[in-house]
N, C-alpha and C. Protein backbone atom coordinates (compact mmCIF):
# COMPACT_ATOMS: atom_id res chain seq x y z
N MET A 1 0.83 -1.19 0.00
CA MET A 1 0.00 0.00 0.00
C MET A 1 0.88 1.26 0.00
N ILE A 2 0.71 2.05 -1.01
CA ILE A 2 1.49 3.27 -1.17
C ILE A 2 1.27 4.20 0.02
N GLY A 3 0.02 4.33 0.43
CA GLY A 3 -0.31 5.24 1.53
C GLY A 3 0.42 4.90 2.82
N LYS A 4 0.47 3.63 3.13
CA LYS A 4 1.16 3.19 4.34
C LYS A 4 2.65 3.52 4.26
N ASN A 5 3.23 3.32 3.09
CA ASN A 5 4.65 3.62 2.90
C ASN A 5 4.92 5.11 3.07
N ILE A 6 4.06 5.94 2.52
CA ILE A 6 4.23 7.38 2.66
C ILE A 6 4.13 7.78 4.12
N ALA A 7 3.13 7.25 4.81
CA ALA A 7 2.95 7.59 6.23
C ALA A 7 4.18 7.18 7.05
N GLU A 8 4.71 5.99 6.79
CA GLU A 8 5.89 5.52 7.53
C GLU A 8 7.10 6.41 7.26
N LEU A 9 7.32 6.74 6.00
CA LEU A 9 8.45 7.61 5.65
C LEU A 9 8.27 9.00 6.25
N ARG A 10 7.05 9.52 6.20
CA ARG A 10 6.77 10.84 6.76
C ARG A 10 7.12 10.88 8.24
N LYS A 11 6.70 9.86 8.95
CA LYS A 11 6.97 9.81 10.39
C LYS A 11 8.46 9.63 10.68
N LYS A 12 9.13 8.81 9.88
CA LYS A 12 10.58 8.63 10.06
C LYS A 12 11.34 9.92 9.84
N ARG A 13 10.84 10.74 8.91
CA ARG A 13 11.50 12.02 8.61
C ARG A 13 11.09 13.12 9.58
N GLY A 14 10.11 12.82 10.44
CA GLY A 14 9.70 13.79 11.45
C GLY A 14 8.71 14.84 10.97
N TYR A 15 8.02 14.58 9.89
CA TYR A 15 7.03 15.52 9.37
C TYR A 15 5.65 15.22 9.93
N THR A 16 4.90 16.26 10.19
CA THR A 16 3.47 16.08 10.48
C THR A 16 2.76 16.00 9.13
N LEU A 17 1.53 15.58 9.16
CA LEU A 17 0.73 15.52 7.94
C LEU A 17 0.66 16.91 7.30
N SER A 18 0.43 17.91 8.13
CA SER A 18 0.32 19.29 7.63
C SER A 18 1.62 19.77 7.00
N GLU A 19 2.75 19.47 7.64
CA GLU A 19 4.05 19.91 7.13
C GLU A 19 4.36 19.28 5.77
N LEU A 20 4.13 17.98 5.66
CA LEU A 20 4.40 17.32 4.38
C LEU A 20 3.49 17.86 3.29
N ALA A 21 2.22 18.00 3.60
CA ALA A 21 1.26 18.51 2.61
C ALA A 21 1.67 19.91 2.16
N GLN A 22 2.03 20.76 3.10
CA GLN A 22 2.41 22.14 2.77
C GLN A 22 3.66 22.16 1.89
N GLN A 23 4.68 21.40 2.27
CA GLN A 23 5.92 21.41 1.50
C GLN A 23 5.75 20.76 0.12
N ALA A 24 4.86 19.77 0.02
CA ALA A 24 4.62 19.11 -1.26
C ALA A 24 3.61 19.89 -2.11
N LYS A 25 3.03 20.94 -1.51
CA LYS A 25 2.05 21.79 -2.20
C LYS A 25 0.83 21.00 -2.65
N ILE A 26 0.34 20.15 -1.72
CA ILE A 26 -0.93 19.44 -1.93
C ILE A 26 -1.77 19.66 -0.68
N SER A 27 -3.06 19.41 -0.78
CA SER A 27 -3.90 19.66 0.38
C SER A 27 -3.69 18.58 1.44
N LYS A 28 -3.88 18.99 2.67
CA LYS A 28 -3.72 18.07 3.80
C LYS A 28 -4.74 16.94 3.70
N SER A 29 -5.96 17.26 3.29
CA SER A 29 -6.99 16.22 3.19
C SER A 29 -6.65 15.21 2.10
N TYR A 30 -6.08 15.70 0.98
CA TYR A 30 -5.69 14.79 -0.10
C TYR A 30 -4.58 13.85 0.37
N LEU A 31 -3.58 14.41 1.07
CA LEU A 31 -2.50 13.58 1.60
C LEU A 31 -3.04 12.57 2.60
N SER A 32 -3.93 13.02 3.45
CA SER A 32 -4.54 12.12 4.43
C SER A 32 -5.28 10.97 3.74
N ASN A 33 -6.00 11.29 2.67
CA ASN A 33 -6.71 10.25 1.91
C ASN A 33 -5.75 9.25 1.27
N ILE A 34 -4.61 9.74 0.82
CA ILE A 34 -3.60 8.84 0.24
C ILE A 34 -3.05 7.92 1.33
N GLU A 35 -2.68 8.51 2.47
CA GLU A 35 -2.09 7.71 3.55
C GLU A 35 -3.07 6.68 4.10
N ARG A 36 -4.35 7.01 4.12
CA ARG A 36 -5.35 6.07 4.64
C ARG A 36 -5.88 5.15 3.55
N ASN A 37 -5.26 5.21 2.38
CA ASN A 37 -5.61 4.38 1.23
C ASN A 37 -7.04 4.58 0.76
N LEU A 38 -7.58 5.76 1.00
CA LEU A 38 -8.87 6.11 0.42
C LEU A 38 -8.68 6.52 -1.03
N ASN A 39 -7.50 7.06 -1.31
CA ASN A 39 -7.10 7.35 -2.68
C ASN A 39 -5.90 6.44 -2.96
N LYS A 40 -6.15 5.34 -3.64
CA LYS A 40 -5.10 4.34 -3.86
C LYS A 40 -4.26 4.60 -5.11
N ASN A 41 -4.67 5.56 -5.92
CA ASN A 41 -3.96 5.83 -7.17
C ASN A 41 -3.65 7.31 -7.34
N PRO A 42 -2.80 7.86 -6.50
CA PRO A 42 -2.44 9.27 -6.68
C PRO A 42 -1.67 9.45 -7.99
N SER A 43 -1.73 10.64 -8.53
CA SER A 43 -1.05 10.91 -9.80
C SER A 43 0.47 10.82 -9.62
N LEU A 44 1.15 10.63 -10.74
CA LEU A 44 2.61 10.58 -10.70
C LEU A 44 3.19 11.91 -10.22
N GLN A 45 2.56 13.01 -10.62
CA GLN A 45 3.05 14.32 -10.20
C GLN A 45 2.98 14.47 -8.69
N VAL A 46 1.89 14.03 -8.09
CA VAL A 46 1.74 14.11 -6.63
C VAL A 46 2.75 13.20 -5.95
N MET A 47 2.95 12.01 -6.48
CA MET A 47 3.91 11.09 -5.89
C MET A 47 5.32 11.67 -5.96
N GLU A 48 5.65 12.32 -7.06
CA GLU A 48 6.98 12.93 -7.20
C GLU A 48 7.16 14.07 -6.21
N LYS A 49 6.12 14.87 -6.01
CA LYS A 49 6.19 15.96 -5.04
C LYS A 49 6.45 15.41 -3.64
N ILE A 50 5.73 14.37 -3.28
CA ILE A 50 5.88 13.76 -1.95
C ILE A 50 7.28 13.16 -1.82
N ALA A 51 7.72 12.45 -2.84
CA ALA A 51 9.06 11.83 -2.82
C ALA A 51 10.15 12.89 -2.66
N ASN A 52 10.01 14.01 -3.35
CA ASN A 52 11.00 15.08 -3.25
C ASN A 52 11.10 15.62 -1.82
N VAL A 53 9.96 15.85 -1.20
CA VAL A 53 9.97 16.38 0.17
C VAL A 53 10.56 15.35 1.13
N LEU A 54 10.23 14.08 0.93
CA LEU A 54 10.73 13.03 1.82
C LEU A 54 12.17 12.65 1.49
N ASN A 55 12.72 13.26 0.45
CA ASN A 55 14.10 13.04 0.05
C ASN A 55 14.37 11.58 -0.35
N VAL A 56 13.43 11.03 -1.09
CA VAL A 56 13.60 9.70 -1.67
C VAL A 56 13.23 9.80 -3.14
N ASP A 57 13.69 8.86 -3.95
CA ASP A 57 13.24 8.91 -5.34
C ASP A 57 11.89 8.22 -5.45
N PHE A 58 11.22 8.50 -6.54
CA PHE A 58 9.88 7.98 -6.77
C PHE A 58 9.83 6.46 -6.68
N ILE A 59 10.82 5.83 -7.25
CA ILE A 59 10.88 4.36 -7.27
C ILE A 59 10.96 3.80 -5.85
N THR A 60 11.66 4.50 -4.97
CA THR A 60 11.79 4.04 -3.59
C THR A 60 10.44 3.95 -2.91
N LEU A 61 9.58 4.91 -3.19
CA LEU A 61 8.23 4.86 -2.61
C LEU A 61 7.51 3.60 -3.03
N LEU A 62 7.67 3.22 -4.27
CA LEU A 62 7.00 2.03 -4.78
C LEU A 62 7.69 0.75 -4.35
N LYS A 63 9.02 0.76 -4.31
CA LYS A 63 9.77 -0.44 -3.95
C LYS A 63 9.49 -0.88 -2.53
N GLN A 64 9.28 0.06 -1.65
CA GLN A 64 9.01 -0.32 -0.28
C GLN A 64 7.76 -1.18 -0.21
N GLU A 65 6.79 -0.84 -1.04
CA GLU A 65 5.57 -1.63 -1.07
C GLU A 65 5.84 -3.02 -1.63
N THR A 66 6.53 -3.10 -2.77
CA THR A 66 6.75 -4.40 -3.38
C THR A 66 7.70 -5.25 -2.57
N THR A 67 8.63 -4.62 -1.85
CA THR A 67 9.56 -5.39 -1.03
C THR A 67 8.81 -6.11 0.08
N LYS A 68 7.82 -5.43 0.65
CA LYS A 68 7.05 -6.05 1.73
C LYS A 68 6.17 -7.17 1.21
N VAL A 69 5.63 -6.98 0.02
CA VAL A 69 4.70 -7.96 -0.53
C VAL A 69 5.43 -9.14 -1.15
N ASN A 70 6.53 -8.84 -1.83
CA ASN A 70 7.23 -9.87 -2.58
C ASN A 70 8.71 -9.86 -2.22
N PRO A 71 9.07 -10.46 -1.08
CA PRO A 71 10.47 -10.41 -0.67
C PRO A 71 11.36 -11.16 -1.65
N CYS A 72 12.58 -10.69 -1.77
CA CYS A 72 13.55 -11.30 -2.68
C CYS A 72 14.50 -12.18 -1.87
N TYR A 73 14.62 -13.41 -2.26
CA TYR A 73 15.51 -14.32 -1.58
C TYR A 73 16.71 -14.60 -2.47
N LEU A 74 17.89 -14.44 -1.92
CA LEU A 74 19.10 -14.70 -2.67
C LEU A 74 19.59 -16.11 -2.39
N GLU A 75 20.14 -16.72 -3.40
CA GLU A 75 20.71 -18.05 -3.22
C GLU A 75 21.94 -17.93 -2.33
N LYS A 76 22.17 -18.96 -1.52
CA LYS A 76 23.29 -18.96 -0.59
C LYS A 76 24.61 -18.73 -1.33
N GLU A 77 24.72 -19.24 -2.52
CA GLU A 77 25.94 -19.09 -3.31
C GLU A 77 26.25 -17.60 -3.55
N TRP A 78 25.24 -16.79 -3.85
CA TRP A 78 25.44 -15.35 -4.08
C TRP A 78 25.78 -14.64 -2.78
N ILE A 79 25.12 -15.02 -1.72
CA ILE A 79 25.40 -14.40 -0.42
C ILE A 79 26.84 -14.70 -0.01
N ASP A 80 27.27 -15.94 -0.19
CA ASP A 80 28.65 -16.32 0.13
C ASP A 80 29.65 -15.53 -0.73
N PHE A 81 29.31 -15.34 -2.00
CA PHE A 81 30.18 -14.59 -2.91
C PHE A 81 30.33 -13.14 -2.45
N VAL A 82 29.23 -12.51 -2.10
CA VAL A 82 29.28 -11.12 -1.64
C VAL A 82 30.04 -11.02 -0.32
N GLU A 83 29.82 -11.97 0.57
CA GLU A 83 30.56 -11.98 1.84
C GLU A 83 32.07 -12.11 1.61
N GLU A 84 32.44 -12.93 0.65
CA GLU A 84 33.85 -13.11 0.32
C GLU A 84 34.44 -11.80 -0.22
N LEU A 85 33.70 -11.11 -1.09
CA LEU A 85 34.15 -9.82 -1.61
C LEU A 85 34.35 -8.82 -0.47
N LYS A 86 33.39 -8.77 0.44
CA LYS A 86 33.50 -7.85 1.58
C LYS A 86 34.69 -8.21 2.46
N LYS A 87 34.86 -9.49 2.69
CA LYS A 87 35.96 -9.96 3.53
C LYS A 87 37.31 -9.57 2.94
N ASN A 88 37.38 -9.54 1.61
CA ASN A 88 38.62 -9.18 0.93
C ASN A 88 38.77 -7.68 0.72
N GLY A 89 37.87 -6.90 1.33
CA GLY A 89 38.03 -5.45 1.33
C GLY A 89 37.32 -4.68 0.25
N LEU A 90 36.49 -5.33 -0.58
CA LEU A 90 35.77 -4.61 -1.62
C LEU A 90 34.62 -3.82 -0.99
N LYS A 91 34.56 -2.54 -1.32
CA LYS A 91 33.50 -1.65 -0.82
C LYS A 91 32.44 -1.48 -1.90
N LYS A 92 31.22 -1.14 -1.47
CA LYS A 92 30.12 -0.97 -2.41
C LYS A 92 30.44 0.04 -3.51
N ASP A 93 31.06 1.13 -3.14
CA ASP A 93 31.34 2.17 -4.14
C ASP A 93 32.41 1.73 -5.14
N GLN A 94 33.11 0.66 -4.88
CA GLN A 94 34.12 0.16 -5.81
C GLN A 94 33.53 -0.79 -6.86
N ILE A 95 32.34 -1.24 -6.63
CA ILE A 95 31.71 -2.21 -7.54
C ILE A 95 31.60 -1.65 -8.95
N LYS A 96 31.31 -0.34 -9.06
CA LYS A 96 31.15 0.25 -10.40
C LYS A 96 32.42 0.12 -11.24
N GLU A 97 33.57 -0.01 -10.59
CA GLU A 97 34.82 -0.18 -11.32
C GLU A 97 34.86 -1.50 -12.09
N TYR A 98 34.03 -2.45 -11.69
CA TYR A 98 34.01 -3.76 -12.32
C TYR A 98 32.94 -3.87 -13.41
N LYS A 99 32.20 -2.79 -13.63
CA LYS A 99 31.15 -2.81 -14.64
C LYS A 99 31.68 -3.17 -16.03
N PRO A 100 32.82 -2.64 -16.48
CA PRO A 100 33.33 -3.05 -17.81
C PRO A 100 33.56 -4.57 -17.90
N LEU A 101 34.05 -5.16 -16.83
CA LEU A 101 34.26 -6.61 -16.82
C LEU A 101 32.93 -7.34 -16.93
N ILE A 102 31.95 -6.87 -16.19
CA ILE A 102 30.62 -7.49 -16.23
C ILE A 102 30.01 -7.36 -17.63
N GLU A 103 30.15 -6.18 -18.23
CA GLU A 103 29.64 -5.96 -19.58
C GLU A 103 30.35 -6.88 -20.59
N PHE A 104 31.65 -7.06 -20.41
CA PHE A 104 32.41 -7.95 -21.28
C PHE A 104 31.89 -9.39 -21.16
N ILE A 105 31.68 -9.83 -19.93
CA ILE A 105 31.18 -11.20 -19.71
C ILE A 105 29.80 -11.35 -20.34
N LYS A 106 28.97 -10.33 -20.19
CA LYS A 106 27.63 -10.36 -20.79
C LYS A 106 27.73 -10.46 -22.31
N TRP A 107 28.60 -9.64 -22.90
CA TRP A 107 28.81 -9.67 -24.34
C TRP A 107 29.31 -11.04 -24.80
N GLN A 108 30.25 -11.57 -24.03
CA GLN A 108 30.83 -12.87 -24.37
C GLN A 108 29.76 -13.96 -24.33
N ASN A 109 28.91 -13.94 -23.32
CA ASN A 109 27.84 -14.93 -23.21
C ASN A 109 26.84 -14.81 -24.36
N GLU A 110 26.52 -13.58 -24.73
CA GLU A 110 25.57 -13.37 -25.83
C GLU A 110 26.19 -13.77 -27.17
N SER A 111 27.47 -13.57 -27.31
CA SER A 111 28.17 -13.92 -28.56
C SER A 111 28.27 -15.43 -28.75
N SER A 112 28.31 -16.16 -27.67
CA SER A 112 28.48 -17.62 -27.77
C SER A 112 27.16 -18.35 -27.99
N LYS A 113 26.08 -17.63 -28.07
CA LYS A 113 24.76 -18.29 -28.28
C LYS A 113 24.55 -18.65 -29.71
């Protein structure tokens, strides 16, 4: 539920309903209806305004909902691999340095089909 996610994020950020509505330039009653799921399909523009004030991207608002409904389970092999990388000192921000290698492997796999 999008409304529940917005309400949780709003509270985590320390905003009252009035403060979020004012900063997002939407009415308090409209925001309240979204949070209580009386309006289950707010427009993309409204969602973007809310996301901007809450300092999250639009996709994050939606992902929180899908993450709760459809959890992602990783195979133990992948978890072990990531743990090994971390153990050997690889940091998250360094992963992008390996993108060319990953793209090469992808190209190689597609070429061998």
